[in-house]
PDB file of N, CA and C in Angstrom:
ATOM      1  N   MET A   1       4.698  24.909  20.205  1.00  0.00           N
ATOM      2  CA  MET A   1       4.090  23.598  20.247  1.00  0.00           C
ATOM      3  C   MET A   1       4.939  22.608  19.452  1.00  0.00           C
ATOM      4  N   GLN A   2       5.174  21.438  20.038  1.00  0.00           N
ATOM      5  CA  GLN A   2       5.969  20.419  19.358  1.00  0.00           C
ATOM      6  C   GLN A   2       5.146  19.735  18.271  1.00  0.00           C
ATOM      7  N   ARG A   3       5.839  19.359  17.216  1.00  0.00           N
ATOM      8  CA  ARG A   3       5.199  18.590  16.158  1.00  0.00           C
ATOM      9  C   ARG A   3       5.548  17.125  16.368  1.00  0.00           C
ATOM     10  N   TYR A   4       4.564  16.285  16.324  1.00  0.00           N
ATOM     11  CA  TYR A   4       4.761  14.850  16.458  1.00  0.00           C
ATOM     12  C   TYR A   4       4.431  14.185  15.138  1.00  0.00           C
ATOM     13  N   SER A   5       5.232  13.230  14.751  1.00  0.00           N
ATOM     14  CA  SER A   5       4.930  12.490  13.529  1.00  0.00           C
ATOM     15  C   SER A   5       4.427  11.095  13.894  1.00  0.00           C
ATOM     16  N   PHE A   6       3.627  10.542  13.039  1.00  0.00           N
ATOM     17  CA  PHE A   6       3.140   9.186  13.234  1.00  0.00           C
ATOM     18  C   PHE A   6       2.906   8.559  11.869  1.00  0.00           C
ATOM     19  N   SER A   7       2.918   7.256  11.851  1.00  0.00           N
ATOM     20  CA  SER A   7       2.593   6.540  10.622  1.00  0.00           C
ATOM     21  C   SER A   7       1.767   5.314  10.988  1.00  0.00           C
ATOM     22  N   ILE A   8       1.013   4.841  10.031  1.00  0.00           N
ATOM     23  CA  ILE A   8       0.174   3.665  10.219  1.00  0.00           C
ATOM     24  C   ILE A   8       0.659   2.589   9.264  1.00  0.00           C
ATOM     25  N   ARG A   9       0.832   1.406   9.779  1.00  0.00           N
ATOM     26  CA  ARG A   9       1.239   0.260   8.972  1.00  0.00           C
ATOM     27  C   ARG A   9       0.173  -0.821   9.118  1.00  0.00           C
ATOM     28  N   LEU A  10      -0.240  -1.397   7.999  1.00  0.00           N
ATOM     29  CA  LEU A  10      -1.206  -2.487   7.994  1.00  0.00           C
ATOM     30  C   LEU A  10      -0.434  -3.794   7.883  1.00  0.00           C
ATOM     31  N   ARG A  11      -0.701  -4.725   8.805  1.00  0.00           N
ATOM     32  CA  ARG A  11      -0.041  -6.036   8.784  1.00  0.00           C
ATOM     33  C   ARG A  11      -1.101  -7.127   8.777  1.00  0.00           C
ATOM     34  N   ILE A  12      -0.931  -8.098   7.892  1.00  0.00           N
ATOM     35  CA  ILE A  12      -1.899  -9.184   7.751  1.00  0.00           C
ATOM     36  C   ILE A  12      -1.158 -10.519   7.815  1.00  0.00           C
ATOM     37  N   TRP A  13      -1.619 -11.408   8.687  1.00  0.00           N
ATOM     38  CA  TRP A  13      -1.140 -12.785   8.754  1.00  0.00           C
ATOM     39  C   TRP A  13      -2.313 -13.684   8.389  1.00  0.00           C
ATOM     40  N   HIS A  14      -2.061 -14.729   7.609  1.00  0.00           N
ATOM     41  CA  HIS A  14      -3.133 -15.647   7.213  1.00  0.00           C
ATOM     42  C   HIS A  14      -2.527 -17.038   7.025  1.00  0.00           C
ATOM     43  N   PRO A  15      -3.276 -18.095   7.357  1.00  0.00           N
ATOM     44  CA  PRO A  15      -2.712 -19.446   7.240  1.00  0.00           C
ATOM     45  C   PRO A  15      -2.451 -19.915   5.813  1.00  0.00           C
ATOM     46  N   SER A  16      -3.113 -19.303   4.800  1.00  0.00           N
ATOM     47  CA  SER A  16      -2.910 -19.849   3.457  1.00  0.00           C
ATOM     48  C   SER A  16      -2.987 -18.854   2.293  1.00  0.00           C
ATOM     49  N   VAL A  17      -3.479 -17.652   2.495  1.00  0.00           N
ATOM     50  CA  VAL A  17      -3.690 -16.729   1.367  1.00  0.00           C
ATOM     51  C   VAL A  17      -2.356 -16.314   0.733  1.00  0.00           C
ATOM     52  N   ASP A  18      -2.382 -16.111  -0.569  1.00  0.00           N
ATOM     53  CA  ASP A  18      -1.210 -15.650  -1.307  1.00  0.00           C
ATOM     54  C   ASP A  18      -1.072 -14.135  -1.099  1.00  0.00           C
ATOM     55  N   PRO A  19       0.088 -13.641  -0.672  1.00  0.00           N
ATOM     56  CA  PRO A  19       0.270 -12.201  -0.474  1.00  0.00           C
ATOM     57  C   PRO A  19      -0.026 -11.375  -1.726  1.00  0.00           C
ATOM     58  N   ASP A  20       0.160 -11.941  -2.908  1.00  0.00           N
ATOM     59  CA  ASP A  20      -0.165 -11.223  -4.149  1.00  0.00           C
ATOM     60  C   ASP A  20      -1.666 -10.916  -4.242  1.00  0.00           C
ATOM     61  N   GLU A  21      -2.503 -11.793  -3.691  1.00  0.00           N
ATOM     62  CA  GLU A  21      -3.951 -11.550  -3.680  1.00  0.00           C
ATOM     63  C   GLU A  21      -4.287 -10.374  -2.774  1.00  0.00           C
ATOM     64  N   ILE A  22      -3.596 -10.262  -1.649  1.00  0.00           N
ATOM     65  CA  ILE A  22      -3.814  -9.130  -0.741  1.00  0.00           C
ATOM     66  C   ILE A  22      -3.436  -7.836  -1.447  1.00  0.00           C
ATOM     67  N   THR A  23      -2.284  -7.834  -2.117  1.00  0.00           N
ATOM     68  CA  THR A  23      -1.826  -6.648  -2.849  1.00  0.00           C
ATOM     69  C   THR A  23      -2.848  -6.251  -3.905  1.00  0.00           C
ATOM     70  N   LYS A  24      -3.328  -7.225  -4.643  1.00  0.00           N
ATOM     71  CA  LYS A  24      -4.304  -6.964  -5.710  1.00  0.00           C
ATOM     72  C   LYS A  24      -5.603  -6.394  -5.149  1.00  0.00           C
ATOM     73  N   ASN A  25      -6.102  -6.955  -4.060  1.00  0.00           N
ATOM     74  CA  ASN A  25      -7.378  -6.515  -3.495  1.00  0.00           C
ATOM     75  C   ASN A  25      -7.295  -5.167  -2.790  1.00  0.00           C
ATOM     76  N   LEU A  26      -6.179  -4.887  -2.125  1.00  0.00           N
ATOM     77  CA  LEU A  26      -6.034  -3.614  -1.414  1.00  0.00           C
ATOM     78  C   LEU A  26      -5.505  -2.496  -2.309  1.00  0.00           C
ATOM     79  N   ASN A  27      -4.851  -2.879  -3.402  1.00  0.00           N
ATOM     80  CA  ASN A  27      -4.222  -1.915  -4.306  1.00  0.00           C
ATOM     81  C   ASN A  27      -3.207  -1.034  -3.563  1.00  0.00           C
ATOM     82  N   ILE A  28      -2.433  -1.680  -2.699  1.00  0.00           N
ATOM     83  CA  ILE A  28      -1.374  -1.022  -1.930  1.00  0.00           C
ATOM     84  C   ILE A  28      -0.088  -1.806  -2.170  1.00  0.00           C
ATOM     85  N   THR A  29       1.001  -1.120  -2.465  1.00  0.00           N
ATOM     86  CA  THR A  29       2.286  -1.788  -2.641  1.00  0.00           C
ATOM     87  C   THR A  29       2.832  -2.190  -1.277  1.00  0.00           C
ATOM     88  N   PRO A  30       3.123  -3.473  -1.066  1.00  0.00           N
ATOM     89  CA  PRO A  30       3.619  -3.913   0.233  1.00  0.00           C
ATOM     90  C   PRO A  30       5.097  -3.583   0.437  1.00  0.00           C
ATOM     91  N   ASN A  31       5.482  -3.453   1.696  1.00  0.00           N
ATOM     92  CA  ASN A  31       6.890  -3.314   2.043  1.00  0.00           C
ATOM     93  C   ASN A  31       7.526  -4.681   2.255  1.00  0.00           C
ATOM     94  N   THR A  32       6.739  -5.600   2.804  1.00  0.00           N
ATOM     95  CA  THR A  32       7.236  -6.935   3.127  1.00  0.00           C
ATOM     96  C   THR A  32       6.148  -7.969   2.877  1.00  0.00           C
ATOM     97  N   THR A  33       6.528  -9.092   2.280  1.00  0.00           N
ATOM     98  CA  THR A  33       5.599 -10.211   2.124  1.00  0.00           C
ATOM     99  C   THR A  33       6.354 -11.515   2.325  1.00  0.00           C
ATOM    100  N   SER A  34       5.615 -12.534   2.727  1.00  0.00           N
ATOM    101  CA  SER A  34       6.149 -13.892   2.750  1.00  0.00           C
ATOM    102  C   SER A  34       4.975 -14.843   2.543  1.00  0.00           C
ATOM    103  N   LYS A  35       5.231 -15.939   1.882  1.00  0.00           N
ATOM    104  CA  LYS A  35       4.179 -16.890   1.540  1.00  0.00           C
ATOM    105  C   LYS A  35       4.364 -18.180   2.330  1.00  0.00           C
ATOM    106  N   VAL A  36       3.260 -18.728   2.814  1.00  0.00           N
ATOM    107  CA  VAL A  36       3.301 -19.966   3.576  1.00  0.00           C
ATOM    108  C   VAL A  36       4.034 -21.050   2.788  1.00  0.00           C
ATOM    109  N   GLY A  37       4.915 -21.781   3.469  1.00  0.00           N
ATOM    110  CA  GLY A  37       5.648 -22.882   2.850  1.00  0.00           C
ATOM    111  C   GLY A  37       6.934 -22.493   2.152  1.00  0.00           C
ATOM    112  N   GLN A  38       7.173 -21.217   1.928  1.00  0.00           N
ATOM    113  CA  GLN A  38       8.400 -20.770   1.272  1.00  0.00           C
ATOM    114  C   GLN A  38       9.555 -20.754   2.274  1.00  0.00           C
ATOM    115  N   PRO A  39      10.788 -20.961   1.822  1.00  0.00           N
ATOM    116  CA  PRO A  39      11.940 -20.917   2.732  1.00  0.00           C
ATOM    117  C   PRO A  39      12.067 -19.542   3.403  1.00  0.00           C
ATOM    118  N   ARG A  40      12.436 -19.553   4.663  1.00  0.00           N
ATOM    119  CA  ARG A  40      12.634 -18.313   5.411  1.00  0.00           C
ATOM    120  C   ARG A  40      13.984 -17.696   5.058  1.00  0.00           C
ATOM    121  N   THR A  41      14.031 -16.355   5.039  1.00  0.00           N
ATOM    122  CA  THR A  41      15.282 -15.637   4.795  1.00  0.00           C
ATOM    123  C   THR A  41      15.333 -14.404   5.693  1.00  0.00           C
ATOM    124  N   THR A  42      16.536 -13.864   5.867  1.00  0.00           N
ATOM    125  CA  THR A  42      16.704 -12.602   6.577  1.00  0.00           C
ATOM    126  C   THR A  42      16.258 -11.471   5.655  1.00  0.00           C
ATOM    127  N   PRO A  43      16.100 -10.248   6.178  1.00  0.00           N
ATOM    128  CA  PRO A  43      15.746  -9.125   5.300  1.00  0.00           C
ATOM    129  C   PRO A  43      16.753  -8.891   4.164  1.00  0.00           C
ATOM    130  N   LYS A  44      18.005  -9.309   4.368  1.00  0.00           N
ATOM    131  CA  LYS A  44      19.017  -9.154   3.314  1.00  0.00           C
ATOM    132  C   LYS A  44      19.060 -10.354   2.367  1.00  0.00           C
ATOM    133  N   GLY A  45      18.206 -11.364   2.602  1.00  0.00           N
ATOM    134  CA  GLY A  45      18.121 -12.498   1.695  1.00  0.00           C
ATOM    135  C   GLY A  45      18.930 -13.723   2.071  1.00  0.00           C
ATOM    136  N   HIS A  46      19.568 -13.717   3.225  1.00  0.00           N
ATOM    137  CA  HIS A  46      20.337 -14.886   3.660  1.00  0.00           C
ATOM    138  C   HIS A  46      19.381 -15.965   4.170  1.00  0.00           C
ATOM    139  N   PRO A  47      19.623 -17.225   3.833  1.00  0.00           N
ATOM    140  CA  PRO A  47      18.698 -18.289   4.224  1.00  0.00           C
ATOM    141  C   PRO A  47      18.684 -18.534   5.734  1.00  0.00           C
ATOM    142  N   LEU A  48      17.499 -18.860   6.220  1.00  0.00           N
ATOM    143  CA  LEU A  48      17.295 -19.257   7.610  1.00  0.00           C
ATOM    144  C   LEU A  48      16.733 -20.669   7.633  1.00  0.00           C
ATOM    145  N   PHE A  49      16.747 -21.299   8.783  1.00  0.00           N
ATOM    146  CA  PHE A  49      16.212 -22.643   8.931  1.00  0.00           C
ATOM    147  C   PHE A  49      14.689 -22.626   8.818  1.00  0.00           C
ATOM    148  N   GLY A  50      14.115 -23.564   8.101  1.00  0.00           N
ATOM    149  CA  GLY A  50      12.675 -23.762   8.060  1.00  0.00           C
ATOM    150  C   GLY A  50      11.957 -22.988   6.971  1.00  0.00           C
ATOM    151  N   THR A  51      10.639 -23.102   7.024  1.00  0.00           N
ATOM    152  CA  THR A  51       9.770 -22.420   6.063  1.00  0.00           C
ATOM    153  C   THR A  51       8.757 -21.567   6.823  1.00  0.00           C
ATOM    154  N   HIS A  52       8.112 -20.650   6.106  1.00  0.00           N
ATOM    155  CA  HIS A  52       7.107 -19.795   6.728  1.00  0.00           C
ATOM    156  C   HIS A  52       5.871 -20.625   7.094  1.00  0.00           C
ATOM    157  N   ALA A  53       5.407 -20.481   8.326  1.00  0.00           N
ATOM    158  CA  ALA A  53       4.245 -21.224   8.813  1.00  0.00           C
ATOM    159  C   ALA A  53       2.932 -20.600   8.350  1.00  0.00           C
ATOM    160  N   GLU A  54       2.960 -19.333   7.964  1.00  0.00           N
ATOM    161  CA  GLU A  54       1.775 -18.631   7.487  1.00  0.00           C
ATOM    162  C   GLU A  54       2.199 -17.528   6.527  1.00  0.00           C
ATOM    163  N   SER A  55       1.243 -17.020   5.772  1.00  0.00           N
ATOM    164  CA  SER A  55       1.527 -15.909   4.869  1.00  0.00           C
ATOM    165  C   SER A  55       1.511 -14.604   5.655  1.00  0.00           C
ATOM    166  N   TYR A  56       2.308 -13.641   5.189  1.00  0.00           N
ATOM    167  CA  TYR A  56       2.418 -12.351   5.855  1.00  0.00           C
ATOM    168  C   TYR A  56       2.483 -11.264   4.800  1.00  0.00           C
ATOM    169  N   TRP A  57       1.791 -10.165   5.075  1.00  0.00           N
ATOM    170  CA  TRP A  57       1.785  -9.001   4.188  1.00  0.00           C
ATOM    171  C   TRP A  57       1.849  -7.759   5.052  1.00  0.00           C
ATOM    172  N   SER A  58       2.700  -6.782   4.687  1.00  0.00           N
ATOM    173  CA  SER A  58       2.814  -5.543   5.441  1.00  0.00           C
ATOM    174  C   SER A  58       2.991  -4.377   4.477  1.00  0.00           C
ATOM    175  N   GLY A  59       2.205  -3.315   4.700  1.00  0.00           N
ATOM    176  CA  GLY A  59       2.292  -2.133   3.849  1.00  0.00           C
ATOM    177  C   GLY A  59       1.820  -0.894   4.574  1.00  0.00           C
ATOM    178  N   ILE A  60       2.124   0.256   3.995  1.00  0.00           N
ATOM    179  CA  ILE A  60       1.702   1.539   4.547  1.00  0.00           C
ATOM    180  C   ILE A  60       0.522   2.021   3.704  1.00  0.00           C
ATOM    181  N   PRO A  61      -0.691   2.029   4.283  1.00  0.00           N
ATOM    182  CA  PRO A  61      -1.869   2.324   3.477  1.00  0.00           C
ATOM    183  C   PRO A  61      -1.937   3.747   2.907  1.00  0.00           C
ATOM    184  N   PHE A  62      -1.349   4.715   3.570  1.00  0.00           N
ATOM    185  CA  PHE A  62      -1.443   6.090   3.092  1.00  0.00           C
ATOM    186  C   PHE A  62      -0.166   6.575   2.421  1.00  0.00           C
ATOM    187  N   GLY A  63       0.903   5.805   2.510  1.00  0.00           N
ATOM    188  CA  GLY A  63       2.124   6.102   1.782  1.00  0.00           C
ATOM    189  C   GLY A  63       2.919   7.295   2.255  1.00  0.00           C
ATOM    190  N   ARG A  64       2.591   7.827   3.442  1.00  0.00           N
ATOM    191  CA  ARG A  64       3.352   8.973   3.920  1.00  0.00           C
ATOM    192  C   ARG A  64       3.194   9.087   5.435  1.00  0.00           C
ATOM    193  N   THR A  65       4.043   9.860   6.061  1.00  0.00           N
ATOM    194  CA  THR A  65       3.955  10.140   7.489  1.00  0.00           C
ATOM    195  C   THR A  65       3.125  11.399   7.692  1.00  0.00           C
ATOM    196  N   GLU A  66       2.358  11.424   8.746  1.00  0.00           N
ATOM    197  CA  GLU A  66       1.517  12.575   9.068  1.00  0.00           C
ATOM    198  C   GLU A  66       2.108  13.319  10.258  1.00  0.00           C
ATOM    199  N   TYR A  67       1.801  14.584  10.360  1.00  0.00           N
ATOM    200  CA  TYR A  67       2.249  15.402  11.493  1.00  0.00           C
ATOM    201  C   TYR A  67       1.049  15.992  12.208  1.00  0.00           C
ATOM    202  N   SER A  68       1.146  16.053  13.517  1.00  0.00           N
ATOM    203  CA  SER A  68       0.092  16.691  14.293  1.00  0.00           C
ATOM    204  C   SER A  68       0.666  17.839  15.104  1.00  0.00           C
TER     205      SER A  68
END
């Protein structure tokens, strides 16, 4: 029988909430965050045109991959 792996990622978009508040309330360390109005950048930190239109938070709620 083959083993399959899967993971679950929680992603939250909001028009104004601070991503730090999401982290505090969920007690999960995020992988990626961005705050509304902040300058946009690439994942490596290079600047992009414009600012974030909404806040974004992404994290792995269980912190590991599961196998079935």
